[in-house]
Amino acid sequence: MDTGERSAATAQPGVANDESSSPQAPIRRKRVRLLVAAGVVVAIVVTGLGAARVAATGGDRGKLSDTGIASCARYIAEGVVTAVSSSGAGGGWEVTIQVEASLKGAEVGRPLTYRADAGSASQASVGTRVFVVVSRFHEEGVQQFAGADIAEARDWMARAVPMSHDVPCDTAG
């Protein structure tokens, strides 16, 4: 009667008597490798999707994400500086631009005035084109871009604004 088991008496000398020497062993190893590889791919995809969701919504980091910044912005606009003046109290500056394009809040064709620190104000001489992100929280500084930085900043915010509508903005960040 054949039970499918090899006995020590029928084993060939010098040849291992285990399943790895059977003709099915390479197929089994391939299957195991494929299953492991598929599991790794699934884990990478799930981790990547989770990270993308956190990046898109800001996760629990609030405004440290692009969408968090866009969500908390009162104005996101581009225009030409028409005035720069000392704001008096507090040592800041008031910058006024004529809005030519707006991603959030500002009206095209109307002036927009915002407070800037000395560094931002120094970039904003009359006639200079700027792109600004003005937070709804007055204690936060304005993000202002000029020159070659405008295109990148505009593209950055143009991608973030549509995704920011579902992102809460409860506190300054």
N, C-alpha and C. Protein backbone atom coordinates (compact mmCIF):
# COMPACT_ATOMS: atom_id res chain seq x y z
N MET A 1 0.84 -1.17 0.00
CA MET A 1 0.00 0.00 0.00
C MET A 1 0.89 1.23 0.00
N ASP A 2 0.56 2.20 -0.89
CA ASP A 2 1.37 3.42 -1.02
C ASP A 2 0.68 4.53 -0.24
N THR A 3 1.34 5.03 0.79
CA THR A 3 0.77 6.10 1.62
C THR A 3 1.27 7.45 1.16
N GLY A 4 2.13 7.50 0.17
CA GLY A 4 2.65 8.77 -0.32
C GLY A 4 3.83 9.24 0.49
N GLU A 5 4.24 8.47 1.47
CA GLU A 5 5.38 8.86 2.29
C GLU A 5 6.60 8.07 1.85
N ARG A 6 7.71 8.68 1.88
CA ARG A 6 8.95 8.00 1.57
C ARG A 6 9.53 7.46 2.86
N SER A 7 10.05 6.33 2.79
CA SER A 7 10.72 5.79 3.97
C SER A 7 12.21 6.03 3.84
N ALA A 8 12.86 5.97 4.93
CA ALA A 8 14.31 6.16 4.94
C ALA A 8 14.98 5.13 4.07
N ALA A 9 14.37 3.95 3.95
CA ALA A 9 14.97 2.87 3.17
C ALA A 9 14.93 3.19 1.68
N THR A 10 13.94 3.96 1.20
CA THR A 10 13.84 4.24 -0.23
C THR A 10 14.52 5.54 -0.62
N ALA A 11 15.01 6.29 0.36
CA ALA A 11 15.66 7.55 0.05
C ALA A 11 17.00 7.30 -0.61
N GLN A 12 17.36 8.13 -1.57
CA GLN A 12 18.64 7.98 -2.23
C GLN A 12 19.72 8.62 -1.37
N PRO A 13 20.88 8.01 -1.34
CA PRO A 13 21.96 8.58 -0.55
C PRO A 13 22.38 9.95 -1.13
N GLY A 14 22.62 10.89 -0.24
CA GLY A 14 23.08 12.22 -0.64
C GLY A 14 21.96 13.15 -1.10
N VAL A 15 20.72 12.68 -1.13
CA VAL A 15 19.61 13.51 -1.56
C VAL A 15 18.70 13.72 -0.36
N ALA A 16 18.33 14.96 -0.11
CA ALA A 16 17.47 15.26 1.03
C ALA A 16 16.12 14.62 0.82
N ASN A 17 15.54 14.18 1.89
CA ASN A 17 14.25 13.53 1.83
C ASN A 17 13.19 14.47 2.38
N ASP A 18 13.03 15.65 1.75
CA ASP A 18 12.00 16.58 2.20
C ASP A 18 11.26 17.11 0.98
N GLU A 19 10.26 17.93 1.24
CA GLU A 19 9.40 18.42 0.17
C GLU A 19 10.13 19.38 -0.75
N SER A 20 11.22 20.02 -0.31
CA SER A 20 11.92 20.98 -1.14
C SER A 20 12.56 20.34 -2.35
N SER A 21 12.73 19.03 -2.33
CA SER A 21 13.32 18.35 -3.47
C SER A 21 12.25 17.82 -4.42
N SER A 22 10.99 18.04 -4.10
CA SER A 22 9.92 17.56 -4.98
C SER A 22 9.77 18.51 -6.16
N PRO A 23 9.20 18.06 -7.25
CA PRO A 23 9.02 18.92 -8.42
C PRO A 23 8.06 20.08 -8.14
N GLN A 24 7.21 20.00 -7.14
CA GLN A 24 6.26 21.06 -6.80
C GLN A 24 6.90 22.19 -5.97
N ALA A 25 8.06 21.98 -5.41
CA ALA A 25 8.70 22.96 -4.53
C ALA A 25 8.95 24.31 -5.21
N PRO A 26 9.48 24.38 -6.44
CA PRO A 26 9.69 25.70 -7.05
C PRO A 26 8.37 26.46 -7.25
N ILE A 27 7.32 25.76 -7.55
CA ILE A 27 6.01 26.41 -7.73
C ILE A 27 5.51 26.95 -6.40
N ARG A 28 5.67 26.18 -5.33
CA ARG A 28 5.26 26.63 -4.00
C ARG A 28 6.06 27.87 -3.58
N ARG A 29 7.37 27.84 -3.82
CA ARG A 29 8.20 28.99 -3.46
C ARG A 29 7.77 30.23 -4.24
N LYS A 30 7.45 30.07 -5.53
CA LYS A 30 6.98 31.20 -6.33
C LYS A 30 5.68 31.75 -5.77
N ARG A 31 4.78 30.85 -5.39
CA ARG A 31 3.49 31.30 -4.83
C ARG A 31 3.70 32.08 -3.54
N VAL A 32 4.57 31.59 -2.69
CA VAL A 32 4.84 32.27 -1.42
C VAL A 32 5.46 33.64 -1.70
N ARG A 33 6.40 33.70 -2.61
CA ARG A 33 7.03 34.98 -2.95
C ARG A 33 6.00 35.96 -3.51
N LEU A 34 5.12 35.46 -4.39
CA LEU A 34 4.09 36.33 -4.96
C LEU A 34 3.14 36.83 -3.88
N LEU A 35 2.76 35.96 -2.96
CA LEU A 35 1.86 36.38 -1.88
C LEU A 35 2.53 37.42 -0.98
N VAL A 36 3.79 37.22 -0.67
CA VAL A 36 4.52 38.19 0.15
C VAL A 36 4.64 39.52 -0.60
N ALA A 37 4.98 39.46 -1.87
CA ALA A 37 5.10 40.69 -2.66
C ALA A 37 3.75 41.42 -2.75
N ALA A 38 2.68 40.67 -2.95
CA ALA A 38 1.35 41.29 -3.01
C ALA A 38 1.00 41.94 -1.67
N GLY A 39 1.34 41.29 -0.58
CA GLY A 39 1.09 41.88 0.74
C GLY A 39 1.87 43.17 0.94
N VAL A 40 3.10 43.19 0.49
CA VAL A 40 3.93 44.40 0.61
C VAL A 40 3.33 45.53 -0.23
N VAL A 41 2.90 45.21 -1.45
CA VAL A 41 2.29 46.23 -2.32
C VAL A 41 1.03 46.79 -1.67
N VAL A 42 0.19 45.92 -1.13
CA VAL A 42 -1.04 46.37 -0.47
C VAL A 42 -0.70 47.28 0.71
N ALA A 43 0.28 46.91 1.50
CA ALA A 43 0.67 47.74 2.65
C ALA A 43 1.18 49.10 2.20
N ILE A 44 1.96 49.13 1.13
CA ILE A 44 2.48 50.41 0.62
C ILE A 44 1.34 51.28 0.12
N VAL A 45 0.41 50.69 -0.62
CA VAL A 45 -0.71 51.46 -1.16
C VAL A 45 -1.57 52.02 -0.03
N VAL A 46 -1.90 51.19 0.95
CA VAL A 46 -2.73 51.65 2.07
C VAL A 46 -2.03 52.75 2.85
N THR A 47 -0.75 52.60 3.11
CA THR A 47 0.01 53.62 3.82
C THR A 47 0.07 54.91 3.01
N GLY A 48 0.30 54.78 1.70
CA GLY A 48 0.35 55.96 0.84
C GLY A 48 -0.98 56.69 0.78
N LEU A 49 -2.08 55.95 0.70
CA LEU A 49 -3.40 56.58 0.68
C LEU A 49 -3.69 57.29 2.00
N GLY A 50 -3.29 56.67 3.09
CA GLY A 50 -3.49 57.31 4.39
C GLY A 50 -2.67 58.59 4.51
N ALA A 51 -1.44 58.55 4.05
CA ALA A 51 -0.58 59.74 4.10
C ALA A 51 -1.13 60.84 3.19
N ALA A 52 -1.64 60.44 2.02
CA ALA A 52 -2.21 61.44 1.11
C ALA A 52 -3.44 62.09 1.72
N ARG A 53 -4.25 61.31 2.41
CA ARG A 53 -5.45 61.87 3.05
C ARG A 53 -5.07 62.85 4.15
N VAL A 54 -4.06 62.48 4.96
CA VAL A 54 -3.61 63.39 6.01
C VAL A 54 -3.06 64.67 5.41
N ALA A 55 -2.28 64.53 4.33
CA ALA A 55 -1.73 65.72 3.68
C ALA A 55 -2.82 66.59 3.08
N ALA A 56 -3.84 65.95 2.51
CA ALA A 56 -4.91 66.71 1.86
C ALA A 56 -5.81 67.41 2.87
N THR A 57 -6.03 66.79 4.01
CA THR A 57 -6.95 67.37 4.98
C THR A 57 -6.24 68.09 6.10
N GLY A 58 -4.94 67.91 6.16
CA GLY A 58 -4.20 68.55 7.24
C GLY A 58 -4.10 67.67 8.47
N GLY A 59 -4.81 66.55 8.49
CA GLY A 59 -4.77 65.66 9.64
C GLY A 59 -4.98 66.41 10.93
N ASP A 60 -4.20 66.11 11.94
CA ASP A 60 -4.34 66.82 13.20
C ASP A 60 -3.30 67.92 13.32
N ARG A 61 -2.61 68.22 12.24
CA ARG A 61 -1.55 69.22 12.28
C ARG A 61 -2.04 70.59 11.85
N GLY A 62 -3.31 70.71 11.56
CA GLY A 62 -3.89 72.00 11.23
C GLY A 62 -3.21 72.67 10.07
N LYS A 63 -2.71 73.85 10.30
CA LYS A 63 -2.22 74.67 9.21
C LYS A 63 -0.82 74.32 8.75
N LEU A 64 -0.26 73.26 9.24
CA LEU A 64 1.04 72.87 8.74
C LEU A 64 0.92 72.25 7.36
N SER A 65 -0.29 72.06 6.87
CA SER A 65 -0.50 71.52 5.53
C SER A 65 -0.93 72.64 4.59
N ASP A 66 -0.79 72.38 3.30
CA ASP A 66 -1.21 73.36 2.30
C ASP A 66 -2.70 73.68 2.43
N THR A 67 -3.49 72.63 2.60
CA THR A 67 -4.93 72.85 2.71
C THR A 67 -5.30 73.57 3.99
N GLY A 68 -4.54 73.35 5.05
CA GLY A 68 -4.77 74.08 6.30
C GLY A 68 -4.50 75.56 6.14
N ILE A 69 -3.43 75.88 5.42
CA ILE A 69 -3.11 77.29 5.16
C ILE A 69 -4.22 77.92 4.33
N ALA A 70 -4.64 77.23 3.29
CA ALA A 70 -5.70 77.76 2.42
C ALA A 70 -7.01 77.90 3.18
N SER A 71 -7.31 76.94 4.04
CA SER A 71 -8.55 76.99 4.81
C SER A 71 -8.59 78.21 5.73
N CYS A 72 -7.47 78.54 6.33
CA CYS A 72 -7.42 79.66 7.28
C CYS A 72 -7.12 81.00 6.63
N ALA A 73 -6.96 81.01 5.33
CA ALA A 73 -6.69 82.27 4.64
C ALA A 73 -7.97 83.07 4.48
N ARG A 74 -7.89 84.36 4.76
CA ARG A 74 -9.01 85.26 4.48
C ARG A 74 -8.94 85.69 3.02
N TYR A 75 -7.71 85.97 2.56
CA TYR A 75 -7.50 86.39 1.18
C TYR A 75 -6.33 85.62 0.59
N ILE A 76 -6.48 85.21 -0.66
CA ILE A 76 -5.37 84.68 -1.45
C ILE A 76 -5.49 85.38 -2.79
N ALA A 77 -4.55 86.28 -3.05
CA ALA A 77 -4.70 87.14 -4.22
C ALA A 77 -3.36 87.52 -4.82
N GLU A 78 -3.44 87.98 -6.07
CA GLU A 78 -2.27 88.47 -6.78
C GLU A 78 -2.60 89.85 -7.35
N GLY A 79 -1.61 90.73 -7.28
CA GLY A 79 -1.83 92.06 -7.83
C GLY A 79 -0.57 92.89 -7.78
N VAL A 80 -0.73 94.17 -8.13
CA VAL A 80 0.39 95.11 -8.16
C VAL A 80 0.27 96.04 -6.96
N VAL A 81 1.39 96.25 -6.27
CA VAL A 81 1.45 97.12 -5.10
C VAL A 81 1.18 98.56 -5.55
N THR A 82 0.21 99.20 -4.88
CA THR A 82 -0.10 100.60 -5.19
C THR A 82 0.30 101.53 -4.06
N ALA A 83 0.50 100.99 -2.85
CA ALA A 83 0.90 101.84 -1.72
C ALA A 83 1.55 100.99 -0.64
N VAL A 84 2.55 101.58 0.01
CA VAL A 84 3.20 100.98 1.19
C VAL A 84 3.38 102.11 2.19
N SER A 85 2.83 101.91 3.39
CA SER A 85 2.96 102.97 4.40
C SER A 85 3.11 102.36 5.78
N SER A 86 3.73 103.12 6.66
CA SER A 86 3.89 102.69 8.04
C SER A 86 2.52 102.65 8.70
N SER A 87 2.27 101.60 9.44
CA SER A 87 0.96 101.50 10.09
C SER A 87 0.96 102.20 11.43
N GLY A 88 2.07 102.80 11.81
CA GLY A 88 2.13 103.54 13.07
C GLY A 88 2.33 102.60 14.24
N ALA A 89 1.29 102.37 15.00
CA ALA A 89 1.37 101.53 16.20
C ALA A 89 1.81 100.12 15.85
N GLY A 90 2.72 99.61 16.60
CA GLY A 90 3.18 98.24 16.42
C GLY A 90 4.32 98.09 15.44
N GLY A 91 4.67 99.14 14.72
CA GLY A 91 5.83 99.09 13.84
C GLY A 91 5.64 98.32 12.55
N GLY A 92 4.45 97.89 12.22
CA GLY A 92 4.23 97.16 10.97
C GLY A 92 4.02 98.10 9.80
N TRP A 93 3.70 97.52 8.69
CA TRP A 93 3.47 98.26 7.46
C TRP A 93 2.12 97.88 6.89
N GLU A 94 1.51 98.79 6.19
CA GLU A 94 0.29 98.48 5.44
C GLU A 94 0.66 98.49 3.97
N VAL A 95 0.29 97.41 3.30
CA VAL A 95 0.56 97.27 1.88
C VAL A 95 -0.78 97.19 1.18
N THR A 96 -0.94 97.95 0.11
CA THR A 96 -2.17 97.91 -0.68
C THR A 96 -1.82 97.43 -2.08
N ILE A 97 -2.59 96.46 -2.56
CA ILE A 97 -2.41 95.99 -3.93
C ILE A 97 -3.71 96.19 -4.70
N GLN A 98 -3.59 96.35 -5.99
CA GLN A 98 -4.76 96.33 -6.87
C GLN A 98 -4.91 94.89 -7.32
N VAL A 99 -5.99 94.23 -6.88
CA VAL A 99 -6.17 92.80 -7.11
C VAL A 99 -6.45 92.53 -8.59
N GLU A 100 -5.62 91.66 -9.18
CA GLU A 100 -5.79 91.26 -10.58
C GLU A 100 -6.26 89.83 -10.71
N ALA A 101 -6.02 89.02 -9.68
CA ALA A 101 -6.48 87.63 -9.65
C ALA A 101 -6.70 87.25 -8.20
N SER A 102 -7.76 86.47 -7.95
CA SER A 102 -8.07 86.08 -6.58
C SER A 102 -8.45 84.60 -6.53
N LEU A 103 -7.83 83.89 -5.62
CA LEU A 103 -8.19 82.49 -5.37
C LEU A 103 -9.17 82.38 -4.21
N LYS A 104 -9.16 83.39 -3.32
CA LYS A 104 -10.05 83.34 -2.17
C LYS A 104 -10.23 84.74 -1.58
N GLY A 105 -11.46 85.14 -1.42
CA GLY A 105 -11.82 86.30 -0.63
C GLY A 105 -11.73 87.68 -1.25
N ALA A 106 -10.70 87.96 -1.99
CA ALA A 106 -10.50 89.31 -2.54
C ALA A 106 -11.29 89.49 -3.83
N GLU A 107 -11.69 90.74 -4.09
CA GLU A 107 -12.43 91.05 -5.31
C GLU A 107 -11.48 91.57 -6.38
N VAL A 108 -11.53 90.94 -7.55
CA VAL A 108 -10.70 91.38 -8.67
C VAL A 108 -11.10 92.80 -9.06
N GLY A 109 -10.10 93.63 -9.29
CA GLY A 109 -10.33 95.02 -9.67
C GLY A 109 -10.44 95.97 -8.50
N ARG A 110 -10.45 95.46 -7.29
CA ARG A 110 -10.57 96.29 -6.08
C ARG A 110 -9.23 96.28 -5.34
N PRO A 111 -8.98 97.30 -4.55
CA PRO A 111 -7.75 97.30 -3.73
C PRO A 111 -7.90 96.36 -2.53
N LEU A 112 -6.78 95.82 -2.11
CA LEU A 112 -6.71 94.97 -0.92
C LEU A 112 -5.57 95.50 -0.07
N THR A 113 -5.85 95.83 1.19
CA THR A 113 -4.82 96.32 2.10
C THR A 113 -4.61 95.28 3.20
N TYR A 114 -3.35 95.00 3.49
CA TYR A 114 -3.01 94.04 4.54
C TYR A 114 -1.79 94.55 5.29
N ARG A 115 -1.65 94.07 6.53
CA ARG A 115 -0.50 94.43 7.36
C ARG A 115 0.65 93.48 7.06
N ALA A 116 1.83 94.03 6.97
CA ALA A 116 3.02 93.23 6.68
C ALA A 116 4.13 93.61 7.64
N ASP A 117 5.02 92.65 7.88
CA ASP A 117 6.20 92.96 8.69
C ASP A 117 7.22 93.67 7.80
N ALA A 118 8.31 94.10 8.39
CA ALA A 118 9.32 94.87 7.65
C ALA A 118 9.92 94.07 6.50
N GLY A 119 10.11 92.76 6.71
CA GLY A 119 10.68 91.93 5.64
C GLY A 119 9.77 91.85 4.43
N SER A 120 8.49 91.62 4.66
CA SER A 120 7.54 91.56 3.55
C SER A 120 7.36 92.92 2.91
N ALA A 121 7.31 93.95 3.72
CA ALA A 121 7.13 95.30 3.18
C ALA A 121 8.31 95.71 2.31
N SER A 122 9.51 95.22 2.63
CA SER A 122 10.68 95.58 1.84
C SER A 122 10.61 95.00 0.43
N GLN A 123 9.88 93.91 0.25
CA GLN A 123 9.69 93.31 -1.07
C GLN A 123 8.59 94.01 -1.86
N ALA A 124 7.81 94.83 -1.19
CA ALA A 124 6.58 95.36 -1.77
C ALA A 124 6.68 96.84 -2.09
N SER A 125 7.56 97.21 -2.98
CA SER A 125 7.60 98.62 -3.39
C SER A 125 6.51 98.86 -4.42
N VAL A 126 6.08 100.10 -4.53
CA VAL A 126 5.01 100.45 -5.46
C VAL A 126 5.40 99.99 -6.87
N GLY A 127 4.46 99.32 -7.53
CA GLY A 127 4.68 98.80 -8.87
C GLY A 127 5.10 97.34 -8.90
N THR A 128 5.43 96.76 -7.75
CA THR A 128 5.86 95.37 -7.68
C THR A 128 4.64 94.44 -7.72
N ARG A 129 4.73 93.38 -8.50
CA ARG A 129 3.68 92.36 -8.52
C ARG A 129 3.94 91.39 -7.36
N VAL A 130 2.88 91.09 -6.59
CA VAL A 130 3.00 90.18 -5.46
C VAL A 130 1.83 89.19 -5.47
N PHE A 131 2.06 88.08 -4.83
CA PHE A 131 1.02 87.08 -4.55
C PHE A 131 0.99 86.95 -3.04
N VAL A 132 -0.19 87.08 -2.42
CA VAL A 132 -0.26 87.08 -0.96
C VAL A 132 -1.28 86.08 -0.45
N VAL A 133 -0.96 85.53 0.72
CA VAL A 133 -1.88 84.69 1.47
C VAL A 133 -2.03 85.38 2.82
N VAL A 134 -3.22 85.94 3.06
CA VAL A 134 -3.49 86.70 4.28
C VAL A 134 -4.38 85.85 5.18
N SER A 135 -3.89 85.49 6.36
CA SER A 135 -4.64 84.66 7.30
C SER A 135 -5.81 85.43 7.89
N ARG A 136 -6.81 84.70 8.33
CA ARG A 136 -7.93 85.33 9.04
C ARG A 136 -7.53 85.71 10.46
N PHE A 137 -6.40 85.22 10.92
CA PHE A 137 -5.91 85.53 12.26
C PHE A 137 -4.88 86.66 12.16
N HIS A 138 -5.18 87.80 12.73
CA HIS A 138 -4.33 88.98 12.59
C HIS A 138 -2.92 88.78 13.14
N GLU A 139 -2.77 87.92 14.14
CA GLU A 139 -1.44 87.73 14.73
C GLU A 139 -0.51 86.92 13.84
N GLU A 140 -1.04 86.29 12.81
CA GLU A 140 -0.20 85.53 11.90
C GLU A 140 0.34 86.43 10.79
N GLY A 141 1.54 86.19 10.41
CA GLY A 141 2.14 86.99 9.35
C GLY A 141 1.55 86.66 7.98
N VAL A 142 1.69 87.60 7.09
CA VAL A 142 1.25 87.42 5.71
C VAL A 142 2.32 86.65 4.96
N GLN A 143 1.89 85.71 4.14
CA GLN A 143 2.84 85.05 3.24
C GLN A 143 2.80 85.83 1.94
N GLN A 144 3.91 86.43 1.60
CA GLN A 144 3.97 87.28 0.41
C GLN A 144 5.07 86.78 -0.51
N PHE A 145 4.76 86.69 -1.79
CA PHE A 145 5.71 86.19 -2.78
C PHE A 145 5.84 87.23 -3.88
N ALA A 146 7.06 87.42 -4.36
CA ALA A 146 7.31 88.40 -5.42
C ALA A 146 8.24 87.78 -6.45
N GLY A 147 8.28 88.39 -7.62
CA GLY A 147 9.21 87.96 -8.67
C GLY A 147 8.97 86.54 -9.13
N ALA A 148 10.07 85.80 -9.24
CA ALA A 148 10.02 84.43 -9.75
C ALA A 148 9.25 83.47 -8.84
N ASP A 149 9.04 83.84 -7.59
CA ASP A 149 8.33 82.96 -6.65
C ASP A 149 6.82 82.97 -6.83
N ILE A 150 6.29 83.94 -7.57
CA ILE A 150 4.84 84.08 -7.71
C ILE A 150 4.21 82.86 -8.38
N ALA A 151 4.76 82.41 -9.49
CA ALA A 151 4.15 81.30 -10.24
C ALA A 151 4.05 80.04 -9.39
N GLU A 152 5.12 79.73 -8.67
CA GLU A 152 5.10 78.53 -7.82
C GLU A 152 4.08 78.67 -6.69
N ALA A 153 4.04 79.84 -6.06
CA ALA A 153 3.09 80.07 -4.97
C ALA A 153 1.65 80.01 -5.48
N ARG A 154 1.41 80.58 -6.64
CA ARG A 154 0.06 80.57 -7.23
C ARG A 154 -0.37 79.13 -7.52
N ASP A 155 0.52 78.34 -8.11
CA ASP A 155 0.19 76.94 -8.41
C ASP A 155 -0.05 76.15 -7.13
N TRP A 156 0.77 76.40 -6.12
CA TRP A 156 0.66 75.73 -4.83
C TRP A 156 -0.71 75.99 -4.21
N MET A 157 -1.12 77.24 -4.17
CA MET A 157 -2.41 77.58 -3.57
C MET A 157 -3.59 77.19 -4.46
N ALA A 158 -3.41 77.24 -5.77
CA ALA A 158 -4.48 76.84 -6.69
C ALA A 158 -4.82 75.36 -6.50
N ARG A 159 -3.84 74.54 -6.14
CA ARG A 159 -4.10 73.12 -5.84
C ARG A 159 -4.72 72.95 -4.46
N ALA A 160 -4.33 73.78 -3.52
CA ALA A 160 -4.77 73.61 -2.13
C ALA A 160 -6.17 74.15 -1.87
N VAL A 161 -6.55 75.26 -2.50
CA VAL A 161 -7.84 75.90 -2.19
C VAL A 161 -9.02 74.96 -2.40
N PRO A 162 -9.14 74.24 -3.53
CA PRO A 162 -10.31 73.37 -3.70
C PRO A 162 -10.42 72.28 -2.63
N MET A 163 -9.29 71.80 -2.14
CA MET A 163 -9.32 70.76 -1.12
C MET A 163 -9.51 71.31 0.28
N SER A 164 -9.45 72.63 0.45
CA SER A 164 -9.49 73.23 1.78
C SER A 164 -10.90 73.45 2.31
N HIS A 165 -11.90 73.30 1.47
CA HIS A 165 -13.26 73.62 1.88
C HIS A 165 -13.76 72.76 3.03
N ASP A 166 -13.26 71.53 3.15
CA ASP A 166 -13.70 70.63 4.22
C ASP A 166 -12.74 70.61 5.40
N VAL A 167 -11.72 71.45 5.37
CA VAL A 167 -10.71 71.46 6.43
C VAL A 167 -11.06 72.57 7.44
N PRO A 168 -11.26 72.19 8.68
CA PRO A 168 -11.61 73.22 9.69
C PRO A 168 -10.43 74.13 9.99
N CYS A 169 -10.75 75.35 10.38
CA CYS A 169 -9.73 76.30 10.78
C CYS A 169 -10.27 77.01 12.03
N ASP A 170 -9.94 76.46 13.18
CA ASP A 170 -10.49 76.96 14.43
C ASP A 170 -9.54 77.88 15.19
N THR A 171 -8.24 77.68 14.99
CA THR A 171 -7.27 78.46 15.76
C THR A 171 -6.10 78.85 14.87
N ALA A 172 -5.39 79.86 15.31
CA ALA A 172 -4.16 80.24 14.62
C ALA A 172 -3.17 79.10 14.75
N GLY A 173 -2.32 78.95 13.76
CA GLY A 173 -1.44 77.82 13.82
C GLY A 173 -0.03 78.13 13.61
